[in-house]
């Protein structure tokens, strides 16, 4: 049931069209309430709560920060590349990023 809740939350905030995916990460990784997670993400991004749910603002910001966008484009981060940036930006550990770092340290 946990994954259904995550999908409902992310799609309800616009997912990658806005910042729903980032807010959901904070809720699940740091056990924050939705309002607390929104404020945390907005503060880390340096924007207001209103801008956090604005698709135009977030599309431009996601492109500037290179943290993944809904529409892929050449040269734009996706997959693990975007996750590395998100982990650093939000000061959190993402399992796939940590596993990738360990593999790099071991030389694959």
C-alpha atoms as a PDB file:
ATOM      1  CA  UNK A   1       0.000   0.000   0.000  1.00  0.00           C
ATOM      2  CA  UNK A   2       2.927   2.375   0.596  1.00  0.00           C
ATOM      3  CA  UNK A   3       3.719   2.758  -3.097  1.00  0.00           C
ATOM      4  CA  UNK A   4       0.113   3.635  -3.903  1.00  0.00           C
ATOM      5  CA  UNK A   5       0.257   6.456  -1.386  1.00  0.00           C
ATOM      6  CA  UNK A   6       3.517   7.738  -2.886  1.00  0.00           C
ATOM      7  CA  UNK A   7       2.070   7.743  -6.398  1.00  0.00           C
ATOM      8  CA  UNK A   8      -1.089   9.510  -5.222  1.00  0.00           C
ATOM      9  CA  UNK A   9       0.921  12.214  -3.468  1.00  0.00           C
ATOM     10  CA  UNK A  10       3.350  12.761  -6.308  1.00  0.00           C
ATOM     11  CA  UNK A  11       0.672  12.950  -8.988  1.00  0.00           C
ATOM     12  CA  UNK A  12      -1.434  15.190  -6.730  1.00  0.00           C
ATOM     13  CA  UNK A  13       1.376  17.774  -6.591  1.00  0.00           C
ATOM     14  CA  UNK A  14       2.244  17.437 -10.245  1.00  0.00           C
ATOM     15  CA  UNK A  15       5.107  14.963  -9.845  1.00  0.00           C
ATOM     16  CA  UNK A  16       8.098  16.105 -11.879  1.00  0.00           C
ATOM     17  CA  UNK A  17       5.994  18.839 -13.491  1.00  0.00           C
ATOM     18  CA  UNK A  18       6.366  20.711 -10.211  1.00  0.00           C
ATOM     19  CA  UNK A  19       8.080  19.395  -7.067  1.00  0.00           C
ATOM     20  CA  UNK A  20       5.840  16.498  -6.029  1.00  0.00           C
ATOM     21  CA  UNK A  21       8.624  13.948  -6.404  1.00  0.00           C
ATOM     22  CA  UNK A  22      10.985  16.010  -4.241  1.00  0.00           C
ATOM     23  CA  UNK A  23       8.366  16.545  -1.528  1.00  0.00           C
ATOM     24  CA  UNK A  24       7.520  12.832  -1.530  1.00  0.00           C
ATOM     25  CA  UNK A  25      11.217  11.953  -1.120  1.00  0.00           C
ATOM     26  CA  UNK A  26      11.415  14.148   1.967  1.00  0.00           C
ATOM     27  CA  UNK A  27       8.238  12.685   3.410  1.00  0.00           C
ATOM     28  CA  UNK A  28       9.435   9.125   3.039  1.00  0.00           C
ATOM     29  CA  UNK A  29      13.130   9.548   3.776  1.00  0.00           C
ATOM     30  CA  UNK A  30      12.900  12.029   6.655  1.00  0.00           C
ATOM     31  CA  UNK A  31       9.364  11.179   7.836  1.00  0.00           C
ATOM     32  CA  UNK A  32       8.195  14.766   7.342  1.00  0.00           C
ATOM     33  CA  UNK A  33       4.576  15.823   7.112  1.00  0.00           C
ATOM     34  CA  UNK A  34       3.530  17.204   3.724  1.00  0.00           C
ATOM     35  CA  UNK A  35       3.560  20.886   4.742  1.00  0.00           C
ATOM     36  CA  UNK A  36       6.934  20.477   6.460  1.00  0.00           C
ATOM     37  CA  UNK A  37       8.357  18.698   3.403  1.00  0.00           C
ATOM     38  CA  UNK A  38       7.046  21.403   1.053  1.00  0.00           C
ATOM     39  CA  UNK A  39       8.666  24.137   3.144  1.00  0.00           C
ATOM     40  CA  UNK A  40      11.961  22.214   3.347  1.00  0.00           C
ATOM     41  CA  UNK A  41      12.078  21.691  -0.430  1.00  0.00           C
ATOM     42  CA  UNK A  42      11.060  25.286  -1.177  1.00  0.00           C
ATOM     43  CA  UNK A  43      13.768  26.584   1.183  1.00  0.00           C
ATOM     44  CA  UNK A  44      16.425  24.323  -0.387  1.00  0.00           C
ATOM     45  CA  UNK A  45      15.403  25.483  -3.862  1.00  0.00           C
ATOM     46  CA  UNK A  46      15.273  29.131  -2.763  1.00  0.00           C
ATOM     47  CA  UNK A  47      11.679  29.646  -3.898  1.00  0.00           C
ATOM     48  CA  UNK A  48       8.268  30.314  -2.355  1.00  0.00           C
ATOM     49  CA  UNK A  49       5.620  27.677  -1.675  1.00  0.00           C
ATOM     50  CA  UNK A  50       3.549  29.131  -4.514  1.00  0.00           C
ATOM     51  CA  UNK A  51       6.429  28.706  -6.956  1.00  0.00           C
ATOM     52  CA  UNK A  52       6.898  25.133  -5.738  1.00  0.00           C
ATOM     53  CA  UNK A  53       3.631  24.092  -7.392  1.00  0.00           C
ATOM     54  CA  UNK A  54       3.923  26.288 -10.486  1.00  0.00           C
ATOM     55  CA  UNK A  55       4.792  24.075 -13.483  1.00  0.00           C
ATOM     56  CA  UNK A  56       6.420  26.875 -15.506  1.00  0.00           C
ATOM     57  CA  UNK A  57       8.664  28.037 -12.665  1.00  0.00           C
ATOM     58  CA  UNK A  58       9.591  24.487 -11.683  1.00  0.00           C
ATOM     59  CA  UNK A  59      10.352  23.447 -15.269  1.00  0.00           C
ATOM     60  CA  UNK A  60      12.806  26.330 -15.585  1.00  0.00           C
ATOM     61  CA  UNK A  61      14.298  25.676 -12.138  1.00  0.00           C
ATOM     62  CA  UNK A  62      14.640  21.937 -12.793  1.00  0.00           C
ATOM     63  CA  UNK A  63      16.445  22.760 -16.013  1.00  0.00           C
ATOM     64  CA  UNK A  64      18.751  25.283 -14.282  1.00  0.00           C
ATOM     65  CA  UNK A  65      19.550  22.849 -11.432  1.00  0.00           C
ATOM     66  CA  UNK A  66      19.666  19.872 -13.832  1.00  0.00           C
ATOM     67  CA  UNK A  67      17.556  17.679 -11.533  1.00  0.00           C
ATOM     68  CA  UNK A  68      15.372  16.044 -14.153  1.00  0.00           C
ATOM     69  CA  UNK A  69      12.308  17.199 -16.064  1.00  0.00           C
ATOM     70  CA  UNK A  70       9.174  15.539 -17.315  1.00  0.00           C
ATOM     71  CA  UNK A  71      10.189  16.166 -20.947  1.00  0.00           C
ATOM     72  CA  UNK A  72      13.578  14.735 -21.747  1.00  0.00           C
ATOM     73  CA  UNK A  73      15.925  16.792 -23.850  1.00  0.00           C
ATOM     74  CA  UNK A  74      19.490  16.265 -25.024  1.00  0.00           C
ATOM     75  CA  UNK A  75      21.995  17.193 -22.349  1.00  0.00           C
ATOM     76  CA  UNK A  76      19.424  17.198 -19.519  1.00  0.00           C
ATOM     77  CA  UNK A  77      20.068  14.977 -16.495  1.00  0.00           C
ATOM     78  CA  UNK A  78      17.954  11.871 -16.149  1.00  0.00           C
ATOM     79  CA  UNK A  79      18.041   8.709 -14.100  1.00  0.00           C
ATOM     80  CA  UNK A  80      20.939   8.287 -11.695  1.00  0.00           C
ATOM     81  CA  UNK A  81      22.526  11.552 -12.857  1.00  0.00           C
ATOM     82  CA  UNK A  82      19.485  13.530 -11.697  1.00  0.00           C
ATOM     83  CA  UNK A  83      19.289  11.504  -8.468  1.00  0.00           C
ATOM     84  CA  UNK A  84      22.882  12.434  -7.582  1.00  0.00           C
ATOM     85  CA  UNK A  85      21.998  16.112  -7.909  1.00  0.00           C
ATOM     86  CA  UNK A  86      18.740  15.722  -5.951  1.00  0.00           C
ATOM     87  CA  UNK A  87      20.538  13.908  -3.113  1.00  0.00           C
ATOM     88  CA  UNK A  88      23.095  16.700  -2.838  1.00  0.00           C
ATOM     89  CA  UNK A  89      20.534  19.494  -3.161  1.00  0.00           C
ATOM     90  CA  UNK A  90      18.183  18.105  -0.500  1.00  0.00           C
ATOM     91  CA  UNK A  91      20.897  16.730   1.819  1.00  0.00           C
ATOM     92  CA  UNK A  92      19.575  13.189   1.791  1.00  0.00           C
ATOM     93  CA  UNK A  93      20.708   9.681   1.046  1.00  0.00           C
ATOM     94  CA  UNK A  94      19.117   7.920  -1.902  1.00  0.00           C
ATOM     95  CA  UNK A  95      19.780   4.183  -1.880  1.00  0.00           C
ATOM     96  CA  UNK A  96      20.542   3.881  -5.595  1.00  0.00           C
ATOM     97  CA  UNK A  97      22.990   6.793  -5.365  1.00  0.00           C
ATOM     98  CA  UNK A  98      24.745   5.250  -2.371  1.00  0.00           C
ATOM     99  CA  UNK A  99      25.006   1.872  -4.129  1.00  0.00           C
ATOM    100  CA  UNK A 100      26.418   3.560  -7.221  1.00  0.00           C
ATOM    101  CA  UNK A 101      28.986   5.433  -5.096  1.00  0.00           C
ATOM    102  CA  UNK A 102      30.088   2.164  -3.476  1.00  0.00           C
ATOM    103  CA  UNK A 103      30.544   0.562  -6.896  1.00  0.00           C
ATOM    104  CA  UNK A 104      32.631   3.502  -8.055  1.00  0.00           C
ATOM    105  CA  UNK A 105      34.848   3.273  -4.965  1.00  0.00           C
ATOM    106  CA  UNK A 106      35.358  -0.473  -5.561  1.00  0.00           C
ATOM    107  CA  UNK A 107      36.086   0.105  -9.237  1.00  0.00           C
ATOM    108  CA  UNK A 108      33.029  -1.890 -10.317  1.00  0.00           C
END
